[in-house]
């Protein structure tokens, strides 16, 4: 995976949805640290698209913000076309 993967518009939209949901839940990046098992800097890198989010981290991120991963993924898929 190269830079194209983290700058891809579809990937950017997925991260935007995650950030929007995190903020709507009233959570900070720091609130996600125990669930994602990453420090705040690592979470920041994901949100700034400097580090790729893998499927396990995606599920953990969703759980940390109180979102159903399947529902969030469906929201992302419906906005792609």
PDB file of N, CA and C in Angstrom:
ATOM      1  N   UNK A   1       0.833  -1.185   0.000  1.00  0.00           N
ATOM      2  CA  UNK A   1       0.000   0.000   0.000  1.00  0.00           C
ATOM      3  C   UNK A   1       0.870   1.238   0.000  1.00  0.00           C
ATOM      4  N   UNK A   2       0.522   2.144  -0.849  1.00  0.00           N
ATOM      5  CA  UNK A   2       1.297   3.365  -0.954  1.00  0.00           C
ATOM      6  C   UNK A   2       0.493   4.577  -0.558  1.00  0.00           C
ATOM      7  N   UNK A   3       1.030   5.738  -0.871  1.00  0.00           N
ATOM      8  CA  UNK A   3       0.388   6.999  -0.512  1.00  0.00           C
ATOM      9  C   UNK A   3      -0.996   7.120  -1.146  1.00  0.00           C
ATOM     10  N   UNK A   4      -1.168   6.532  -2.311  1.00  0.00           N
ATOM     11  CA  UNK A   4      -2.461   6.604  -2.998  1.00  0.00           C
ATOM     12  C   UNK A   4      -3.570   6.035  -2.115  1.00  0.00           C
ATOM     13  N   UNK A   5      -3.252   5.019  -1.352  1.00  0.00           N
ATOM     14  CA  UNK A   5      -4.257   4.372  -0.523  1.00  0.00           C
ATOM     15  C   UNK A   5      -4.802   5.279   0.574  1.00  0.00           C
ATOM     16  N   UNK A   6      -3.965   6.117   1.148  1.00  0.00           N
ATOM     17  CA  UNK A   6      -4.435   6.981   2.234  1.00  0.00           C
ATOM     18  C   UNK A   6      -4.926   8.331   1.725  1.00  0.00           C
ATOM     19  N   UNK A   7      -4.699   8.618   0.451  1.00  0.00           N
ATOM     20  CA  UNK A   7      -5.192   9.877  -0.108  1.00  0.00           C
ATOM     21  C   UNK A   7      -6.398   9.652  -1.019  1.00  0.00           C
ATOM     22  N   UNK A   8      -6.800   8.423  -1.203  1.00  0.00           N
ATOM     23  CA  UNK A   8      -7.950   8.063  -2.021  1.00  0.00           C
ATOM     24  C   UNK A   8      -9.214   8.732  -1.480  1.00  0.00           C
ATOM     25  N   UNK A   9     -10.048   9.242  -2.369  1.00  0.00           N
ATOM     26  CA  UNK A   9     -11.269   9.948  -1.950  1.00  0.00           C
ATOM     27  C   UNK A   9     -12.216   9.057  -1.154  1.00  0.00           C
ATOM     28  N   UNK A  10     -12.351   7.795  -1.537  1.00  0.00           N
ATOM     29  CA  UNK A  10     -13.210   6.885  -0.782  1.00  0.00           C
ATOM     30  C   UNK A  10     -12.694   6.692   0.639  1.00  0.00           C
ATOM     31  N   UNK A  11     -11.387   6.540   0.771  1.00  0.00           N
ATOM     32  CA  UNK A  11     -10.792   6.383   2.097  1.00  0.00           C
ATOM     33  C   UNK A  11     -10.972   7.659   2.918  1.00  0.00           C
ATOM     34  N   UNK A  12     -10.774   8.794   2.280  1.00  0.00           N
ATOM     35  CA  UNK A  12     -10.944  10.080   2.971  1.00  0.00           C
ATOM     36  C   UNK A  12     -12.363  10.212   3.511  1.00  0.00           C
ATOM     37  N   UNK A  13     -13.348   9.804   2.726  1.00  0.00           N
ATOM     38  CA  UNK A  13     -14.745   9.902   3.159  1.00  0.00           C
ATOM     39  C   UNK A  13     -15.024   8.974   4.343  1.00  0.00           C
ATOM     40  N   UNK A  14     -14.447   7.788   4.329  1.00  0.00           N
ATOM     41  CA  UNK A  14     -14.623   6.872   5.458  1.00  0.00           C
ATOM     42  C   UNK A  14     -14.083   7.496   6.746  1.00  0.00           C
ATOM     43  N   UNK A  15     -12.914   8.074   6.664  1.00  0.00           N
ATOM     44  CA  UNK A  15     -12.313   8.710   7.839  1.00  0.00           C
ATOM     45  C   UNK A  15     -13.149   9.914   8.281  1.00  0.00           C
ATOM     46  N   UNK A  16     -13.665  10.681   7.330  1.00  0.00           N
ATOM     47  CA  UNK A  16     -14.528  11.823   7.678  1.00  0.00           C
ATOM     48  C   UNK A  16     -15.756  11.356   8.450  1.00  0.00           C
ATOM     49  N   UNK A  17     -16.363  10.266   8.013  1.00  0.00           N
ATOM     50  CA  UNK A  17     -17.534   9.723   8.710  1.00  0.00           C
ATOM     51  C   UNK A  17     -17.164   9.326  10.129  1.00  0.00           C
ATOM     52  N   UNK A  18     -16.034   8.658  10.289  1.00  0.00           N
ATOM     53  CA  UNK A  18     -15.597   8.252  11.629  1.00  0.00           C
ATOM     54  C   UNK A  18     -15.380   9.463  12.530  1.00  0.00           C
ATOM     55  N   UNK A  19     -14.727  10.484  12.013  1.00  0.00           N
ATOM     56  CA  UNK A  19     -14.470  11.687  12.807  1.00  0.00           C
ATOM     57  C   UNK A  19     -15.784  12.373  13.176  1.00  0.00           C
ATOM     58  N   UNK A  20     -16.690  12.491  12.201  1.00  0.00           N
ATOM     59  CA  UNK A  20     -17.995  13.110  12.465  1.00  0.00           C
ATOM     60  C   UNK A  20     -18.732  12.370  13.571  1.00  0.00           C
ATOM     61  N   UNK A  21     -18.735  11.053  13.496  1.00  0.00           N
ATOM     62  CA  UNK A  21     -19.414  10.249  14.510  1.00  0.00           C
ATOM     63  C   UNK A  21     -18.744  10.372  15.865  1.00  0.00           C
ATOM     64  N   UNK A  22     -17.413  10.401  15.887  1.00  0.00           N
ATOM     65  CA  UNK A  22     -16.690  10.546  17.164  1.00  0.00           C
ATOM     66  C   UNK A  22     -17.065  11.862  17.824  1.00  0.00           C
ATOM     67  N   UNK A  23     -17.037  12.925  17.044  1.00  0.00           N
ATOM     68  CA  UNK A  23     -17.365  14.249  17.588  1.00  0.00           C
ATOM     69  C   UNK A  23     -18.822  14.328  18.026  1.00  0.00           C
ATOM     70  N   UNK A  24     -19.721  13.722  17.239  1.00  0.00           N
ATOM     71  CA  UNK A  24     -21.142  13.723  17.598  1.00  0.00           C
ATOM     72  C   UNK A  24     -21.383  12.973  18.909  1.00  0.00           C
ATOM     73  N   UNK A  25     -20.536  11.991  19.178  1.00  0.00           N
ATOM     74  CA  UNK A  25     -20.637  11.238  20.427  1.00  0.00           C
ATOM     75  C   UNK A  25     -20.003  11.994  21.591  1.00  0.00           C
ATOM     76  N   UNK A  26     -19.403  13.150  21.301  1.00  0.00           N
ATOM     77  CA  UNK A  26     -18.774  13.944  22.350  1.00  0.00           C
ATOM     78  C   UNK A  26     -17.465  13.368  22.840  1.00  0.00           C
ATOM     79  N   UNK A  27     -16.787  12.615  21.973  1.00  0.00           N
ATOM     80  CA  UNK A  27     -15.540  11.961  22.367  1.00  0.00           C
ATOM     81  C   UNK A  27     -14.331  12.640  21.736  1.00  0.00           C
ATOM     82  N   UNK A  28     -13.230  12.598  22.456  1.00  0.00           N
ATOM     83  CA  UNK A  28     -11.956  13.095  21.940  1.00  0.00           C
ATOM     84  C   UNK A  28     -11.132  11.912  21.443  1.00  0.00           C
ATOM     85  N   UNK A  29     -10.066  12.220  20.747  1.00  0.00           N
ATOM     86  CA  UNK A  29      -9.145  11.158  20.343  1.00  0.00           C
ATOM     87  C   UNK A  29      -8.630  10.414  21.569  1.00  0.00           C
ATOM     88  N   UNK A  30      -8.363  11.143  22.619  1.00  0.00           N
ATOM     89  CA  UNK A  30      -7.862  10.544  23.849  1.00  0.00           C
ATOM     90  C   UNK A  30      -8.825   9.537  24.455  1.00  0.00           C
ATOM     91  N   UNK A  31     -10.122   9.752  24.255  1.00  0.00           N
ATOM     92  CA  UNK A  31     -11.117   8.813  24.768  1.00  0.00           C
ATOM     93  C   UNK A  31     -11.031   7.454  24.075  1.00  0.00           C
ATOM     94  N   UNK A  32     -10.462   7.418  22.878  1.00  0.00           N
ATOM     95  CA  UNK A  32     -10.376   6.183  22.108  1.00  0.00           C
ATOM     96  C   UNK A  32      -9.138   5.351  22.447  1.00  0.00           C
ATOM     97  N   UNK A  33      -8.194   5.947  23.141  1.00  0.00           N
ATOM     98  CA  UNK A  33      -6.913   5.292  23.422  1.00  0.00           C
ATOM     99  C   UNK A  33      -7.074   3.894  24.030  1.00  0.00           C
ATOM    100  N   UNK A  34      -7.861   3.716  25.108  1.00  0.00           N
ATOM    101  CA  UNK A  34      -7.929   2.389  25.708  1.00  0.00           C
ATOM    102  C   UNK A  34      -8.555   1.328  24.795  1.00  0.00           C
ATOM    103  N   UNK A  35      -9.510   1.731  23.980  1.00  0.00           N
ATOM    104  CA  UNK A  35     -10.198   0.771  23.117  1.00  0.00           C
ATOM    105  C   UNK A  35      -9.354   0.408  21.902  1.00  0.00           C
ATOM    106  N   UNK A  36      -8.742   1.418  21.278  1.00  0.00           N
ATOM    107  CA  UNK A  36      -7.943   1.161  20.075  1.00  0.00           C
ATOM    108  C   UNK A  36      -6.557   0.632  20.390  1.00  0.00           C
ATOM    109  N   UNK A  37      -6.165   0.737  21.658  1.00  0.00           N
ATOM    110  CA  UNK A  37      -4.842   0.272  22.089  1.00  0.00           C
ATOM    111  C   UNK A  37      -3.722   0.980  21.333  1.00  0.00           C
ATOM    112  N   UNK A  38      -3.962   2.265  21.089  1.00  0.00           N
ATOM    113  CA  UNK A  38      -2.970   3.127  20.450  1.00  0.00           C
ATOM    114  C   UNK A  38      -2.888   4.399  21.272  1.00  0.00           C
ATOM    115  N   UNK A  39      -1.776   5.092  21.175  1.00  0.00           N
ATOM    116  CA  UNK A  39      -1.719   6.370  21.867  1.00  0.00           C
ATOM    117  C   UNK A  39      -2.456   7.421  21.036  1.00  0.00           C
ATOM    118  N   UNK A  40      -2.651   8.598  21.628  1.00  0.00           N
ATOM    119  CA  UNK A  40      -3.407   9.657  20.954  1.00  0.00           C
ATOM    120  C   UNK A  40      -2.748  10.053  19.646  1.00  0.00           C
ATOM    121  N   UNK A  41      -1.428  10.025  19.593  1.00  0.00           N
ATOM    122  CA  UNK A  41      -0.711  10.361  18.360  1.00  0.00           C
ATOM    123  C   UNK A  41      -1.065   9.383  17.249  1.00  0.00           C
ATOM    124  N   UNK A  42      -1.158   8.108  17.568  1.00  0.00           N
ATOM    125  CA  UNK A  42      -1.533   7.099  16.578  1.00  0.00           C
ATOM    126  C   UNK A  42      -2.937   7.321  16.047  1.00  0.00           C
ATOM    127  N   UNK A  43      -3.846   7.691  16.927  1.00  0.00           N
ATOM    128  CA  UNK A  43      -5.221   7.970  16.511  1.00  0.00           C
ATOM    129  C   UNK A  43      -5.255   9.221  15.641  1.00  0.00           C
ATOM    130  N   UNK A  44      -4.483  10.215  16.016  1.00  0.00           N
ATOM    131  CA  UNK A  44      -4.392  11.431  15.209  1.00  0.00           C
ATOM    132  C   UNK A  44      -3.876  11.122  13.800  1.00  0.00           C
ATOM    133  N   UNK A  45      -2.896  10.250  13.708  1.00  0.00           N
ATOM    134  CA  UNK A  45      -2.352   9.881  12.394  1.00  0.00           C
ATOM    135  C   UNK A  45      -3.404   9.185  11.536  1.00  0.00           C
ATOM    136  N   UNK A  46      -4.242   8.378  12.165  1.00  0.00           N
ATOM    137  CA  UNK A  46      -5.337   7.749  11.419  1.00  0.00           C
ATOM    138  C   UNK A  46      -6.283   8.819  10.909  1.00  0.00           C
ATOM    139  N   UNK A  47      -6.680   9.727  11.792  1.00  0.00           N
ATOM    140  CA  UNK A  47      -7.653  10.749  11.418  1.00  0.00           C
ATOM    141  C   UNK A  47      -7.095  11.760  10.418  1.00  0.00           C
ATOM    142  N   UNK A  48      -5.796  11.961  10.415  1.00  0.00           N
ATOM    143  CA  UNK A  48      -5.181  12.866   9.430  1.00  0.00           C
ATOM    144  C   UNK A  48      -4.754  12.113   8.172  1.00  0.00           C
ATOM    145  N   UNK A  49      -5.085  10.834   8.141  1.00  0.00           N
ATOM    146  CA  UNK A  49      -4.780   9.954   7.014  1.00  0.00           C
ATOM    147  C   UNK A  49      -3.281   9.846   6.749  1.00  0.00           C
ATOM    148  N   UNK A  50      -2.528   9.792   7.818  1.00  0.00           N
ATOM    149  CA  UNK A  50      -1.089   9.553   7.718  1.00  0.00           C
ATOM    150  C   UNK A  50      -0.770   8.097   8.032  1.00  0.00           C
ATOM    151  N   UNK A  51      -1.753   7.384   8.527  1.00  0.00           N
ATOM    152  CA  UNK A  51      -1.610   5.971   8.842  1.00  0.00           C
ATOM    153  C   UNK A  51      -2.888   5.267   8.430  1.00  0.00           C
ATOM    154  N   UNK A  52      -2.736   4.138   7.786  1.00  0.00           N
ATOM    155  CA  UNK A  52      -3.871   3.374   7.275  1.00  0.00           C
ATOM    156  C   UNK A  52      -4.625   2.689   8.413  1.00  0.00           C
ATOM    157  N   UNK A  53      -5.931   2.751   8.350  1.00  0.00           N
ATOM    158  CA  UNK A  53      -6.797   2.097   9.316  1.00  0.00           C
ATOM    159  C   UNK A  53      -7.085   0.686   8.819  1.00  0.00           C
ATOM    160  N   UNK A  54      -6.731  -0.331   9.610  1.00  0.00           N
ATOM    161  CA  UNK A  54      -7.037  -1.696   9.174  1.00  0.00           C
ATOM    162  C   UNK A  54      -8.432  -2.085   9.688  1.00  0.00           C
ATOM    163  N   UNK A  55      -8.919  -3.225   9.243  1.00  0.00           N
ATOM    164  CA  UNK A  55     -10.291  -3.627   9.550  1.00  0.00           C
ATOM    165  C   UNK A  55     -10.513  -3.828  11.053  1.00  0.00           C
ATOM    166  N   UNK A  56      -9.540  -4.358  11.757  1.00  0.00           N
ATOM    167  CA  UNK A  56      -9.681  -4.552  13.204  1.00  0.00           C
ATOM    168  C   UNK A  56      -9.780  -3.204  13.906  1.00  0.00           C
ATOM    169  N   UNK A  57      -8.918  -2.267  13.528  1.00  0.00           N
ATOM    170  CA  UNK A  57      -8.990  -0.926  14.122  1.00  0.00           C
ATOM    171  C   UNK A  57     -10.290  -0.228  13.747  1.00  0.00           C
ATOM    172  N   UNK A  58     -10.793  -0.462  12.534  1.00  0.00           N
ATOM    173  CA  UNK A  58     -12.076   0.118  12.122  1.00  0.00           C
ATOM    174  C   UNK A  58     -13.185  -0.355  13.051  1.00  0.00           C
ATOM    175  N   UNK A  59     -13.235  -1.649  13.310  1.00  0.00           N
ATOM    176  CA  UNK A  59     -14.265  -2.201  14.195  1.00  0.00           C
ATOM    177  C   UNK A  59     -14.104  -1.646  15.606  1.00  0.00           C
ATOM    178  N   UNK A  60     -12.886  -1.615  16.104  1.00  0.00           N
ATOM    179  CA  UNK A  60     -12.648  -1.078  17.454  1.00  0.00           C
ATOM    180  C   UNK A  60     -13.005   0.404  17.534  1.00  0.00           C
ATOM    181  N   UNK A  61     -12.668   1.158  16.499  1.00  0.00           N
ATOM    182  CA  UNK A  61     -12.991   2.590  16.458  1.00  0.00           C
ATOM    183  C   UNK A  61     -14.511   2.755  16.538  1.00  0.00           C
ATOM    184  N   UNK A  62     -15.237   2.003  15.712  1.00  0.00           N
ATOM    185  CA  UNK A  62     -16.699   2.075  15.727  1.00  0.00           C
ATOM    186  C   UNK A  62     -17.255   1.748  17.102  1.00  0.00           C
ATOM    187  N   UNK A  63     -16.764   0.683  17.694  1.00  0.00           N
ATOM    188  CA  UNK A  63     -17.228   0.297  19.028  1.00  0.00           C
ATOM    189  C   UNK A  63     -16.932   1.392  20.049  1.00  0.00           C
ATOM    190  N   UNK A  64     -15.779   2.018  19.940  1.00  0.00           N
ATOM    191  CA  UNK A  64     -15.385   3.063  20.890  1.00  0.00           C
ATOM    192  C   UNK A  64     -16.289   4.284  20.804  1.00  0.00           C
ATOM    193  N   UNK A  65     -16.820   4.555  19.621  1.00  0.00           N
ATOM    194  CA  UNK A  65     -17.682   5.730  19.457  1.00  0.00           C
ATOM    195  C   UNK A  65     -19.164   5.362  19.536  1.00  0.00           C
ATOM    196  N   UNK A  66     -19.445   4.088  19.810  1.00  0.00           N
ATOM    197  CA  UNK A  66     -20.829   3.649  19.964  1.00  0.00           C
ATOM    198  C   UNK A  66     -21.564   3.466  18.653  1.00  0.00           C
ATOM    199  N   UNK A  67     -20.827   3.197  17.594  1.00  0.00           N
ATOM    200  CA  UNK A  67     -21.428   2.994  16.278  1.00  0.00           C
ATOM    201  C   UNK A  67     -21.315   1.535  15.872  1.00  0.00           C
ATOM    202  N   UNK A  68     -22.315   1.054  15.176  1.00  0.00           N
ATOM    203  CA  UNK A  68     -22.274  -0.304  14.647  1.00  0.00           C
ATOM    204  C   UNK A  68     -21.399  -0.302  13.394  1.00  0.00           C
ATOM    205  N   UNK A  69     -20.347  -1.117  13.359  1.00  0.00           N
ATOM    206  CA  UNK A  69     -19.451  -1.107  12.192  1.00  0.00           C
ATOM    207  C   UNK A  69     -20.163  -1.398  10.877  1.00  0.00           C
ATOM    208  N   UNK A  70     -21.105  -2.331  10.883  1.00  0.00           N
ATOM    209  CA  UNK A  70     -21.817  -2.672   9.645  1.00  0.00           C
ATOM    210  C   UNK A  70     -22.675  -1.503   9.165  1.00  0.00           C
ATOM    211  N   UNK A  71     -23.326  -0.811  10.088  1.00  0.00           N
ATOM    212  CA  UNK A  71     -24.159   0.334   9.732  1.00  0.00           C
ATOM    213  C   UNK A  71     -23.299   1.471   9.190  1.00  0.00           C
ATOM    214  N   UNK A  72     -22.185   1.719   9.842  1.00  0.00           N
ATOM    215  CA  UNK A  72     -21.300   2.788   9.385  1.00  0.00           C
ATOM    216  C   UNK A  72     -20.714   2.461   8.015  1.00  0.00           C
ATOM    217  N   UNK A  73     -20.345   1.223   7.808  1.00  0.00           N
ATOM    218  CA  UNK A  73     -19.817   0.812   6.512  1.00  0.00           C
ATOM    219  C   UNK A  73     -20.895   0.939   5.435  1.00  0.00           C
ATOM    220  N   UNK A  74     -22.127   0.591   5.762  1.00  0.00           N
ATOM    221  CA  UNK A  74     -23.230   0.744   4.809  1.00  0.00           C
ATOM    222  C   UNK A  74     -23.446   2.212   4.459  1.00  0.00           C
ATOM    223  N   UNK A  75     -23.336   3.089   5.451  1.00  0.00           N
ATOM    224  CA  UNK A  75     -23.449   4.533   5.198  1.00  0.00           C
ATOM    225  C   UNK A  75     -22.362   4.982   4.214  1.00  0.00           C
ATOM    226  N   UNK A  76     -21.163   4.502   4.450  1.00  0.00           N
ATOM    227  CA  UNK A  76     -20.047   4.860   3.557  1.00  0.00           C
ATOM    228  C   UNK A  76     -20.300   4.323   2.146  1.00  0.00           C
ATOM    229  N   UNK A  77     -20.735   3.070   2.046  1.00  0.00           N
ATOM    230  CA  UNK A  77     -20.991   2.466   0.737  1.00  0.00           C
ATOM    231  C   UNK A  77     -22.086   3.198  -0.022  1.00  0.00           C
ATOM    232  N   UNK A  78     -23.113   3.642   0.668  1.00  0.00           N
ATOM    233  CA  UNK A  78     -24.222   4.312  -0.007  1.00  0.00           C
ATOM    234  C   UNK A  78     -23.824   5.687  -0.536  1.00  0.00           C
ATOM    235  N   UNK A  79     -22.768   6.260   0.004  1.00  0.00           N
ATOM    236  CA  UNK A  79     -22.310   7.565  -0.456  1.00  0.00           C
ATOM    237  C   UNK A  79     -21.255   7.510  -1.550  1.00  0.00           C
ATOM    238  N   UNK A  80     -20.880   6.321  -1.980  1.00  0.00           N
ATOM    239  CA  UNK A  80     -19.807   6.177  -2.960  1.00  0.00           C
ATOM    240  C   UNK A  80     -20.254   6.447  -4.385  1.00  0.00           C
ATOM    241  N   UNK A  81     -21.504   6.275  -4.703  1.00  0.00           N
ATOM    242  CA  UNK A  81     -21.906   6.374  -6.094  1.00  0.00           C
ATOM    243  C   UNK A  81     -22.640   7.598  -6.364  1.00  0.00           C
TER     244      UNK A  81
END
